[in-house]
Amino acid sequence: MPVRKGTATVLTCALSAALVLTGCTAGRSPASPTPPAPSARDAHDGRDGGAGPQPAPPVPRQERRTPGRIPGVGPVTQSGVPDGTTQALVVSGGSADDNVVTAVLHERDPAGRWHPVAGPWRGHNALRGWTDAHVAGDLRSPTGVFRIGDAGGRLPDPGARIPYDQDEEFAVSGTGFLGEPLEGSFDYVVAIDYNRVAGTTPLNKERPLGDEKGGGVWIHVDHGGPTQACVSLPREHMAELLRALDPAREPVIVMGPAGEIAL
């Protein structure tokens, strides 16, 4: 897969002397305790960190499948999935305020039926849970259906079929909300097309909806605690996801509380 180089308008995932954090690893709200600041620049709307541990959400139960319906996804949510999409990563939390998730990758066969092909994987979302009206610094992950087609990381391409931008600017340090080290969190990332320019490196800091709506929402390597706005998965599963995502399948992520995305 050809490697796409980062553009001049990039902001890496932690602080620099000249820039202020805005995303997955950004400044904390006054109501939250402040961990040590990361050391790299950030294309996100905040710094990853967290509160006390929360119980993992239950693995989705087996259910009778409706033909043409992604398991666990209801008709309202499914209506946001593009007609040409045949690959969907479903990331669900237990409630609107939970920051632990389960992720399952699904694919649609030629007959129109959806099947799980990878997962379930355990991971994290934002410290305060989910929102359908995300703004910068709210410490919540945006809910909805978003395209995922651009990737990158500090480490070499593990075999991705979607464009992959290897860049040292993905380096990050510091500690998260639980005091856990953030180093390596951006070794592998997949950009979620929330308030970003699709078809560019995840490091691109352009925000079509404006900076106040946040941005730089990624899927990245889990560091053992909640994030600022991103979704995080264990390292080995991030590599597996990168190899699985197929641009010809027009992949999307469906993300939010399980009860909400089931509507």
C-alpha atoms as a PDB file:
ATOM      1  CA  MET A   1       0.000   0.000   0.000  1.00  0.00           C
ATOM      2  CA  PRO A   2       1.526   3.356  -0.921  1.00  0.00           C
ATOM      3  CA  VAL A   3       2.334   5.538   2.069  1.00  0.00           C
ATOM      4  CA  ARG A   4       0.829   8.996   2.022  1.00  0.00           C
ATOM      5  CA  LYS A   5       2.983  11.671   3.624  1.00  0.00           C
ATOM      6  CA  GLY A   6       1.477  14.132   6.071  1.00  0.00           C
ATOM      7  CA  THR A   7       0.495  17.597   4.871  1.00  0.00           C
ATOM      8  CA  ALA A   8       1.838  20.914   6.095  1.00  0.00           C
ATOM      9  CA  THR A   9      -1.366  21.471   8.059  1.00  0.00           C
ATOM     10  CA  VAL A  10      -0.876  18.826  10.705  1.00  0.00           C
ATOM     11  CA  LEU A  11      -1.133  18.757  14.459  1.00  0.00           C
ATOM     12  CA  THR A  12       0.203  15.693  16.277  1.00  0.00           C
ATOM     13  CA  CYS A  13      -1.355  14.031  19.303  1.00  0.00           C
ATOM     14  CA  ALA A  14       0.111  16.058  22.174  1.00  0.00           C
ATOM     15  CA  LEU A  15       1.247  19.572  23.142  1.00  0.00           C
ATOM     16  CA  SER A  16       4.053  21.506  21.512  1.00  0.00           C
ATOM     17  CA  ALA A  17       5.428  24.868  22.568  1.00  0.00           C
ATOM     18  CA  ALA A  18       3.524  26.607  19.790  1.00  0.00           C
ATOM     19  CA  LEU A  19       0.193  24.771  19.748  1.00  0.00           C
ATOM     20  CA  VAL A  20      -2.689  24.042  22.125  1.00  0.00           C
ATOM     21  CA  LEU A  21      -4.271  20.590  22.305  1.00  0.00           C
ATOM     22  CA  THR A  22      -7.786  20.159  20.914  1.00  0.00           C
ATOM     23  CA  GLY A  23      -8.804  16.219  20.631  1.00  0.00           C
ATOM     24  CA  CYS A  24      -8.273  12.581  21.578  1.00  0.00           C
ATOM     25  CA  THR A  25      -5.436  13.677  23.845  1.00  0.00           C
ATOM     26  CA  ALA A  26      -6.592  17.582  24.677  1.00  0.00           C
ATOM     27  CA  GLY A  27      -6.727  19.879  27.635  1.00  0.00           C
ATOM     28  CA  ARG A  28      -9.055  18.704  30.379  1.00  0.00           C
ATOM     29  CA  SER A  29     -12.169  20.564  31.515  1.00  0.00           C
ATOM     30  CA  PRO A  30     -12.009  22.459  34.834  1.00  0.00           C
ATOM     31  CA  ALA A  31     -14.185  19.773  36.441  1.00  0.00           C
ATOM     32  CA  SER A  32     -11.612  17.058  35.708  1.00  0.00           C
ATOM     33  CA  PRO A  33      -8.291  16.485  37.513  1.00  0.00           C
ATOM     34  CA  THR A  34      -5.363  17.473  35.342  1.00  0.00           C
ATOM     35  CA  PRO A  35      -2.743  14.836  34.450  1.00  0.00           C
ATOM     36  CA  PRO A  36       0.765  15.750  33.242  1.00  0.00           C
ATOM     37  CA  ALA A  37       0.612  17.221  29.751  1.00  0.00           C
ATOM     38  CA  PRO A  38       1.672  15.106  26.740  1.00  0.00           C
ATOM     39  CA  SER A  39       4.819  16.117  24.901  1.00  0.00           C
ATOM     40  CA  ALA A  40       3.830  15.907  21.231  1.00  0.00           C
ATOM     41  CA  ARG A  41       1.546  18.006  19.032  1.00  0.00           C
ATOM     42  CA  ASP A  42      -2.052  16.845  18.607  1.00  0.00           C
ATOM     43  CA  ALA A  43      -4.597  16.774  15.801  1.00  0.00           C
ATOM     44  CA  HIS A  44      -7.238  15.833  18.397  1.00  0.00           C
ATOM     45  CA  ASP A  45      -9.598  17.862  20.597  1.00  0.00           C
ATOM     46  CA  GLY A  46      -8.050  16.725  23.931  1.00  0.00           C
ATOM     47  CA  ARG A  47      -5.585  14.567  25.860  1.00  0.00           C
ATOM     48  CA  ASP A  48      -6.504  10.942  26.614  1.00  0.00           C
ATOM     49  CA  GLY A  49      -7.058  10.229  30.259  1.00  0.00           C
ATOM     50  CA  GLY A  50      -9.728   8.916  32.608  1.00  0.00           C
ATOM     51  CA  ALA A  51     -11.621   8.395  35.844  1.00  0.00           C
ATOM     52  CA  GLY A  52     -11.986   5.310  37.986  1.00  0.00           C
ATOM     53  CA  PRO A  53     -12.377   1.938  36.269  1.00  0.00           C
ATOM     54  CA  GLN A  54     -15.820   1.057  34.978  1.00  0.00           C
ATOM     55  CA  PRO A  55     -17.208  -2.419  34.323  1.00  0.00           C
ATOM     56  CA  ALA A  56     -16.913  -3.622  30.753  1.00  0.00           C
ATOM     57  CA  PRO A  57     -20.183  -3.591  28.801  1.00  0.00           C
ATOM     58  CA  PRO A  58     -21.669  -7.000  28.125  1.00  0.00           C
ATOM     59  CA  VAL A  59     -20.748  -8.715  24.882  1.00  0.00           C
ATOM     60  CA  PRO A  60     -23.743  -8.330  22.536  1.00  0.00           C
ATOM     61  CA  ARG A  61     -26.035 -11.349  22.836  1.00  0.00           C
ATOM     62  CA  GLN A  62     -26.822 -13.575  19.904  1.00  0.00           C
ATOM     63  CA  GLU A  63     -29.937 -12.282  18.208  1.00  0.00           C
ATOM     64  CA  ARG A  64     -32.234 -13.198  15.371  1.00  0.00           C
ATOM     65  CA  ARG A  65     -30.855 -11.359  12.378  1.00  0.00           C
ATOM     66  CA  THR A  66     -33.066  -9.253  10.167  1.00  0.00           C
ATOM     67  CA  PRO A  67     -31.954  -9.685   6.542  1.00  0.00           C
ATOM     68  CA  GLY A  68     -29.954  -6.647   5.492  1.00  0.00           C
ATOM     69  CA  ARG A  69     -29.525  -5.427   9.093  1.00  0.00           C
ATOM     70  CA  ILE A  70     -26.177  -5.167  10.885  1.00  0.00           C
ATOM     71  CA  PRO A  71     -26.398  -7.180  14.151  1.00  0.00           C
ATOM     72  CA  GLY A  72     -27.045  -4.844  17.079  1.00  0.00           C
ATOM     73  CA  VAL A  73     -27.949  -1.927  14.794  1.00  0.00           C
ATOM     74  CA  GLY A  74     -31.544  -0.734  14.517  1.00  0.00           C
ATOM     75  CA  PRO A  75     -33.369   0.681  11.490  1.00  0.00           C
ATOM     76  CA  VAL A  76     -32.882   4.342  12.422  1.00  0.00           C
ATOM     77  CA  THR A  77     -29.125   3.947  12.851  1.00  0.00           C
ATOM     78  CA  GLN A  78     -28.827   1.632   9.843  1.00  0.00           C
ATOM     79  CA  SER A  79     -30.431   4.305   7.657  1.00  0.00           C
ATOM     80  CA  GLY A  80     -27.196   6.296   8.087  1.00  0.00           C
ATOM     81  CA  VAL A  81     -25.082   3.515   6.571  1.00  0.00           C
ATOM     82  CA  PRO A  82     -24.376   4.262   2.877  1.00  0.00           C
ATOM     83  CA  ASP A  83     -25.932   1.842   0.391  1.00  0.00           C
ATOM     84  CA  GLY A  84     -22.520   0.883  -1.004  1.00  0.00           C
ATOM     85  CA  THR A  85     -21.034   0.017   2.401  1.00  0.00           C
ATOM     86  CA  THR A  86     -20.357  -3.680   3.001  1.00  0.00           C
ATOM     87  CA  GLN A  87     -18.020  -3.370   6.013  1.00  0.00           C
ATOM     88  CA  ALA A  88     -18.972  -1.854   9.383  1.00  0.00           C
ATOM     89  CA  LEU A  89     -17.144  -1.665  12.710  1.00  0.00           C
ATOM     90  CA  VAL A  90     -19.806  -1.551  15.444  1.00  0.00           C
ATOM     91  CA  VAL A  91     -18.499   0.004  18.680  1.00  0.00           C
ATOM     92  CA  SER A  92     -21.007  -0.057  21.525  1.00  0.00           C
ATOM     93  CA  GLY A  93     -20.976   1.008  25.166  1.00  0.00           C
ATOM     94  CA  GLY A  94     -23.247  -0.029  28.014  1.00  0.00           C
ATOM     95  CA  SER A  95     -24.820   3.400  28.593  1.00  0.00           C
ATOM     96  CA  ALA A  96     -24.493   7.057  27.614  1.00  0.00           C
ATOM     97  CA  ASP A  97     -22.017   7.671  30.446  1.00  0.00           C
ATOM     98  CA  ASP A  98     -19.843   4.558  30.100  1.00  0.00           C
ATOM     99  CA  ASN A  99     -16.268   4.704  28.787  1.00  0.00           C
ATOM    100  CA  VAL A 100     -15.700   0.982  28.118  1.00  0.00           C
ATOM    101  CA  VAL A 101     -16.692  -0.485  24.746  1.00  0.00           C
ATOM    102  CA  THR A 102     -17.041  -3.677  22.750  1.00  0.00           C
ATOM    103  CA  ALA A 103     -16.135  -3.587  19.039  1.00  0.00           C
ATOM    104  CA  VAL A 104     -17.140  -6.085  16.340  1.00  0.00           C
ATOM    105  CA  LEU A 105     -16.288  -5.907  12.636  1.00  0.00           C
ATOM    106  CA  HIS A 106     -19.110  -6.983  10.296  1.00  0.00           C
ATOM    107  CA  GLU A 107     -19.227  -7.583   6.547  1.00  0.00           C
ATOM    108  CA  ARG A 108     -22.163  -7.897   4.147  1.00  0.00           C
ATOM    109  CA  ASP A 109     -22.236 -10.870   1.800  1.00  0.00           C
ATOM    110  CA  PRO A 110     -23.512 -10.785  -1.823  1.00  0.00           C
ATOM    111  CA  ALA A 111     -26.954 -11.878  -0.612  1.00  0.00           C
ATOM    112  CA  GLY A 112     -27.167  -8.756   1.563  1.00  0.00           C
ATOM    113  CA  ARG A 113     -26.726 -10.497   4.929  1.00  0.00           C
ATOM    114  CA  TRP A 114     -24.339  -9.094   7.528  1.00  0.00           C
ATOM    115  CA  HIS A 115     -21.942 -11.373   9.420  1.00  0.00           C
ATOM    116  CA  PRO A 116     -19.391 -10.717  12.216  1.00  0.00           C
ATOM    117  CA  VAL A 117     -15.874 -11.367  10.881  1.00  0.00           C
ATOM    118  CA  ALA A 118     -13.663 -10.129  13.761  1.00  0.00           C
ATOM    119  CA  GLY A 119     -14.071  -9.410  17.458  1.00  0.00           C
ATOM    120  CA  PRO A 120     -15.530  -8.864  19.930  1.00  0.00           C
ATOM    121  CA  TRP A 121     -12.689  -6.623  21.116  1.00  0.00           C
ATOM    122  CA  ARG A 122     -12.699  -4.688  24.395  1.00  0.00           C
ATOM    123  CA  GLY A 123     -11.577  -1.067  24.462  1.00  0.00           C
ATOM    124  CA  HIS A 124     -12.427   2.452  25.607  1.00  0.00           C
ATOM    125  CA  ASN A 125     -14.215   5.606  24.513  1.00  0.00           C
ATOM    126  CA  ALA A 126     -14.252   9.086  26.058  1.00  0.00           C
ATOM    127  CA  LEU A 127     -14.085   9.689  29.809  1.00  0.00           C
ATOM    128  CA  ARG A 128     -17.682  10.929  30.172  1.00  0.00           C
ATOM    129  CA  GLY A 129     -19.239   8.586  27.628  1.00  0.00           C
ATOM    130  CA  TRP A 130     -21.179   9.520  24.500  1.00  0.00           C
ATOM    131  CA  THR A 131     -23.039  12.446  22.931  1.00  0.00           C
ATOM    132  CA  ASP A 132     -24.931  13.177  19.733  1.00  0.00           C
ATOM    133  CA  ALA A 133     -23.870  16.845  19.966  1.00  0.00           C
ATOM    134  CA  HIS A 134     -20.107  16.637  20.439  1.00  0.00           C
ATOM    135  CA  VAL A 135     -18.138  19.838  21.077  1.00  0.00           C
ATOM    136  CA  ALA A 136     -14.447  20.317  21.755  1.00  0.00           C
ATOM    137  CA  GLY A 137     -13.491  19.493  25.332  1.00  0.00           C
ATOM    138  CA  ASP A 138     -16.745  17.828  26.404  1.00  0.00           C
ATOM    139  CA  LEU A 139     -14.903  14.555  27.142  1.00  0.00           C
ATOM    140  CA  ARG A 140     -17.519  12.583  25.204  1.00  0.00           C
ATOM    141  CA  SER A 141     -17.280  10.538  22.004  1.00  0.00           C
ATOM    142  CA  PRO A 142     -19.608  11.465  19.126  1.00  0.00           C
ATOM    143  CA  THR A 143     -22.337   8.929  18.367  1.00  0.00           C
ATOM    144  CA  GLY A 144     -23.432   8.024  14.873  1.00  0.00           C
ATOM    145  CA  VAL A 145     -22.260   6.485  11.608  1.00  0.00           C
ATOM    146  CA  PHE A 146     -18.979   7.777  10.173  1.00  0.00           C
ATOM    147  CA  ARG A 147     -16.772   6.688   7.288  1.00  0.00           C
ATOM    148  CA  ILE A 148     -13.296   5.321   8.099  1.00  0.00           C
ATOM    149  CA  GLY A 149     -10.833   5.337   5.207  1.00  0.00           C
ATOM    150  CA  ASP A 150      -7.550   6.967   6.284  1.00  0.00           C
ATOM    151  CA  ALA A 151      -4.915   5.581   8.625  1.00  0.00           C
ATOM    152  CA  GLY A 152      -1.434   6.202   9.933  1.00  0.00           C
ATOM    153  CA  GLY A 153       0.850   5.809  12.889  1.00  0.00           C
ATOM    154  CA  ARG A 154       4.323   6.006  14.296  1.00  0.00           C
ATOM    155  CA  LEU A 155       5.033   2.385  13.347  1.00  0.00           C
ATOM    156  CA  PRO A 156       5.420   1.043   9.802  1.00  0.00           C
ATOM    157  CA  ASP A 157       2.325   0.029   7.849  1.00  0.00           C
ATOM    158  CA  PRO A 158       1.235  -3.414   9.151  1.00  0.00           C
ATOM    159  CA  GLY A 159      -0.359  -4.275   5.797  1.00  0.00           C
ATOM    160  CA  ALA A 160      -3.238  -1.801   5.525  1.00  0.00           C
ATOM    161  CA  ARG A 161      -5.280  -1.572   2.343  1.00  0.00           C
ATOM    162  CA  ILE A 162      -6.507   1.922   3.168  1.00  0.00           C
ATOM    163  CA  PRO A 163      -3.956   4.778   2.807  1.00  0.00           C
ATOM    164  CA  TYR A 164      -1.425   4.707   5.661  1.00  0.00           C
ATOM    165  CA  ASP A 165       0.768   7.653   6.728  1.00  0.00           C
ATOM    166  CA  GLN A 166       3.771   6.568   8.784  1.00  0.00           C
ATOM    167  CA  ASP A 167       5.126   9.625  10.580  1.00  0.00           C
ATOM    168  CA  GLU A 168       7.102  10.287  13.758  1.00  0.00           C
ATOM    169  CA  GLU A 169       4.607  13.094  14.446  1.00  0.00           C
ATOM    170  CA  PHE A 170       2.304  10.392  15.831  1.00  0.00           C
ATOM    171  CA  ALA A 171       4.629  10.021  18.829  1.00  0.00           C
ATOM    172  CA  VAL A 172       3.009  10.875  22.175  1.00  0.00           C
ATOM    173  CA  SER A 173       4.023  10.801  25.836  1.00  0.00           C
ATOM    174  CA  GLY A 174       2.557  11.775  29.178  1.00  0.00           C
ATOM    175  CA  THR A 175      -0.116  10.053  31.262  1.00  0.00           C
ATOM    176  CA  GLY A 176      -3.843   9.463  30.944  1.00  0.00           C
ATOM    177  CA  PHE A 177      -6.762   9.953  33.317  1.00  0.00           C
ATOM    178  CA  LEU A 178      -5.811   6.875  35.341  1.00  0.00           C
ATOM    179  CA  GLY A 179      -2.128   7.785  35.413  1.00  0.00           C
ATOM    180  CA  GLU A 180      -1.407   5.210  32.716  1.00  0.00           C
ATOM    181  CA  PRO A 181       1.344   6.004  30.164  1.00  0.00           C
ATOM    182  CA  LEU A 182       0.141   7.298  26.803  1.00  0.00           C
ATOM    183  CA  GLU A 183       3.320   6.308  24.968  1.00  0.00           C
ATOM    184  CA  GLY A 184       2.519   4.162  21.926  1.00  0.00           C
ATOM    185  CA  SER A 185      -1.170   5.142  21.793  1.00  0.00           C
ATOM    186  CA  PHE A 186      -0.764   6.456  18.269  1.00  0.00           C
ATOM    187  CA  ASP A 187       1.489   3.726  16.936  1.00  0.00           C
ATOM    188  CA  TYR A 188      -1.556   2.767  14.831  1.00  0.00           C
ATOM    189  CA  VAL A 189      -4.554   5.030  14.175  1.00  0.00           C
ATOM    190  CA  VAL A 190      -7.589   5.093  11.918  1.00  0.00           C
ATOM    191  CA  ALA A 191      -9.225   8.482  11.387  1.00  0.00           C
ATOM    192  CA  ILE A 192     -12.979   8.685  12.006  1.00  0.00           C
ATOM    193  CA  ASP A 193     -14.557  11.061   9.508  1.00  0.00           C
ATOM    194  CA  TYR A 194     -16.051  13.374  12.117  1.00  0.00           C
ATOM    195  CA  ASN A 195     -15.328  17.052  11.312  1.00  0.00           C
ATOM    196  CA  ARG A 196     -12.328  16.283   9.117  1.00  0.00           C
ATOM    197  CA  VAL A 197     -11.335  16.307   5.460  1.00  0.00           C
ATOM    198  CA  ALA A 198     -11.647  12.753   4.170  1.00  0.00           C
ATOM    199  CA  GLY A 199      -8.851  11.436   1.984  1.00  0.00           C
ATOM    200  CA  THR A 200      -6.079  13.125   3.979  1.00  0.00           C
ATOM    201  CA  THR A 201      -3.645  11.988   6.673  1.00  0.00           C
ATOM    202  CA  PRO A 202      -5.158  11.675  10.164  1.00  0.00           C
ATOM    203  CA  LEU A 203      -2.713  14.440  11.158  1.00  0.00           C
ATOM    204  CA  ASN A 204      -4.607  16.998   9.043  1.00  0.00           C
ATOM    205  CA  LYS A 205      -6.086  19.571  11.452  1.00  0.00           C
ATOM    206  CA  GLU A 206      -8.672  21.115   9.082  1.00  0.00           C
ATOM    207  CA  ARG A 207     -12.100  21.235  10.757  1.00  0.00           C
ATOM    208  CA  PRO A 208     -14.922  21.843   8.209  1.00  0.00           C
ATOM    209  CA  LEU A 209     -17.520  22.365  10.975  1.00  0.00           C
ATOM    210  CA  GLY A 210     -15.270  24.711  12.932  1.00  0.00           C
ATOM    211  CA  ASP A 211     -12.877  24.124  15.801  1.00  0.00           C
ATOM    212  CA  GLU A 212     -15.653  24.378  18.396  1.00  0.00           C
ATOM    213  CA  LYS A 213     -17.109  21.086  17.120  1.00  0.00           C
ATOM    214  CA  GLY A 214     -13.939  19.217  18.003  1.00  0.00           C
ATOM    215  CA  GLY A 215     -12.091  16.895  15.696  1.00  0.00           C
ATOM    216  CA  GLY A 216      -9.174  14.512  15.423  1.00  0.00           C
ATOM    217  CA  VAL A 217     -11.416  11.668  16.604  1.00  0.00           C
ATOM    218  CA  TRP A 218      -9.502   8.466  15.946  1.00  0.00           C
ATOM    219  CA  ILE A 219      -9.496   4.741  16.572  1.00  0.00           C
ATOM    220  CA  HIS A 220      -6.105   4.136  18.186  1.00  0.00           C
ATOM    221  CA  VAL A 221      -4.108   1.798  20.410  1.00  0.00           C
ATOM    222  CA  ASP A 222      -5.672   1.346  23.853  1.00  0.00           C
ATOM    223  CA  HIS A 223      -3.563   2.662  26.743  1.00  0.00           C
ATOM    224  CA  GLY A 224      -5.675   1.145  29.503  1.00  0.00           C
ATOM    225  CA  GLY A 225      -8.015   4.050  30.269  1.00  0.00           C
ATOM    226  CA  PRO A 226     -10.681   6.339  28.820  1.00  0.00           C
ATOM    227  CA  THR A 227      -9.931   8.805  26.040  1.00  0.00           C
ATOM    228  CA  GLN A 228     -10.764  12.423  25.259  1.00  0.00           C
ATOM    229  CA  ALA A 229     -13.113  11.608  22.361  1.00  0.00           C
ATOM    230  CA  CYS A 230     -11.571   8.651  20.531  1.00  0.00           C
ATOM    231  CA  VAL A 231     -12.155   4.909  20.479  1.00  0.00           C
ATOM    232  CA  SER A 232      -9.210   2.750  21.550  1.00  0.00           C
ATOM    233  CA  LEU A 233      -8.559  -0.946  20.927  1.00  0.00           C
ATOM    234  CA  PRO A 234      -5.734  -3.287  21.991  1.00  0.00           C
ATOM    235  CA  ARG A 235      -2.604  -3.043  19.853  1.00  0.00           C
ATOM    236  CA  GLU A 236      -2.924  -6.469  18.233  1.00  0.00           C
ATOM    237  CA  HIS A 237      -6.518  -5.767  17.263  1.00  0.00           C
ATOM    238  CA  MET A 238      -5.606  -2.372  15.803  1.00  0.00           C
ATOM    239  CA  ALA A 239      -3.137  -4.130  13.485  1.00  0.00           C
ATOM    240  CA  GLU A 240      -5.815  -6.703  12.625  1.00  0.00           C
ATOM    241  CA  LEU A 241      -8.334  -3.954  11.891  1.00  0.00           C
ATOM    242  CA  LEU A 242      -5.886  -2.096   9.647  1.00  0.00           C
ATOM    243  CA  ARG A 243      -5.299  -5.233   7.589  1.00  0.00           C
ATOM    244  CA  ALA A 244      -9.035  -5.956   7.388  1.00  0.00           C
ATOM    245  CA  LEU A 245     -10.406  -2.563   6.325  1.00  0.00           C
ATOM    246  CA  ASP A 246     -11.028  -2.623   2.576  1.00  0.00           C
ATOM    247  CA  PRO A 247     -11.633   0.678   0.738  1.00  0.00           C
ATOM    248  CA  ALA A 248     -13.645  -1.204  -1.891  1.00  0.00           C
ATOM    249  CA  ARG A 249     -16.150  -2.045   0.861  1.00  0.00           C
ATOM    250  CA  GLU A 250     -16.592   1.646   1.810  1.00  0.00           C
ATOM    251  CA  PRO A 251     -16.098   0.923   5.542  1.00  0.00           C
ATOM    252  CA  VAL A 252     -17.872   2.828   8.300  1.00  0.00           C
ATOM    253  CA  ILE A 253     -17.856   2.885  12.082  1.00  0.00           C
ATOM    254  CA  VAL A 254     -21.191   2.727  13.925  1.00  0.00           C
ATOM    255  CA  MET A 255     -20.565   3.993  17.460  1.00  0.00           C
ATOM    256  CA  GLY A 256     -22.558   4.828  20.572  1.00  0.00           C
ATOM    257  CA  PRO A 257     -24.401   3.303  23.534  1.00  0.00           C
ATOM    258  CA  ALA A 258     -25.782  -0.124  22.641  1.00  0.00           C
ATOM    259  CA  GLY A 259     -29.360   0.910  23.374  1.00  0.00           C
ATOM    260  CA  GLU A 260     -29.110   3.986  21.174  1.00  0.00           C
ATOM    261  CA  ILE A 261     -27.555   2.371  18.109  1.00  0.00           C
ATOM    262  CA  ALA A 262     -30.148  -0.413  18.379  1.00  0.00           C
ATOM    263  CA  LEU A 263     -32.922   2.090  17.559  1.00  0.00           C
END
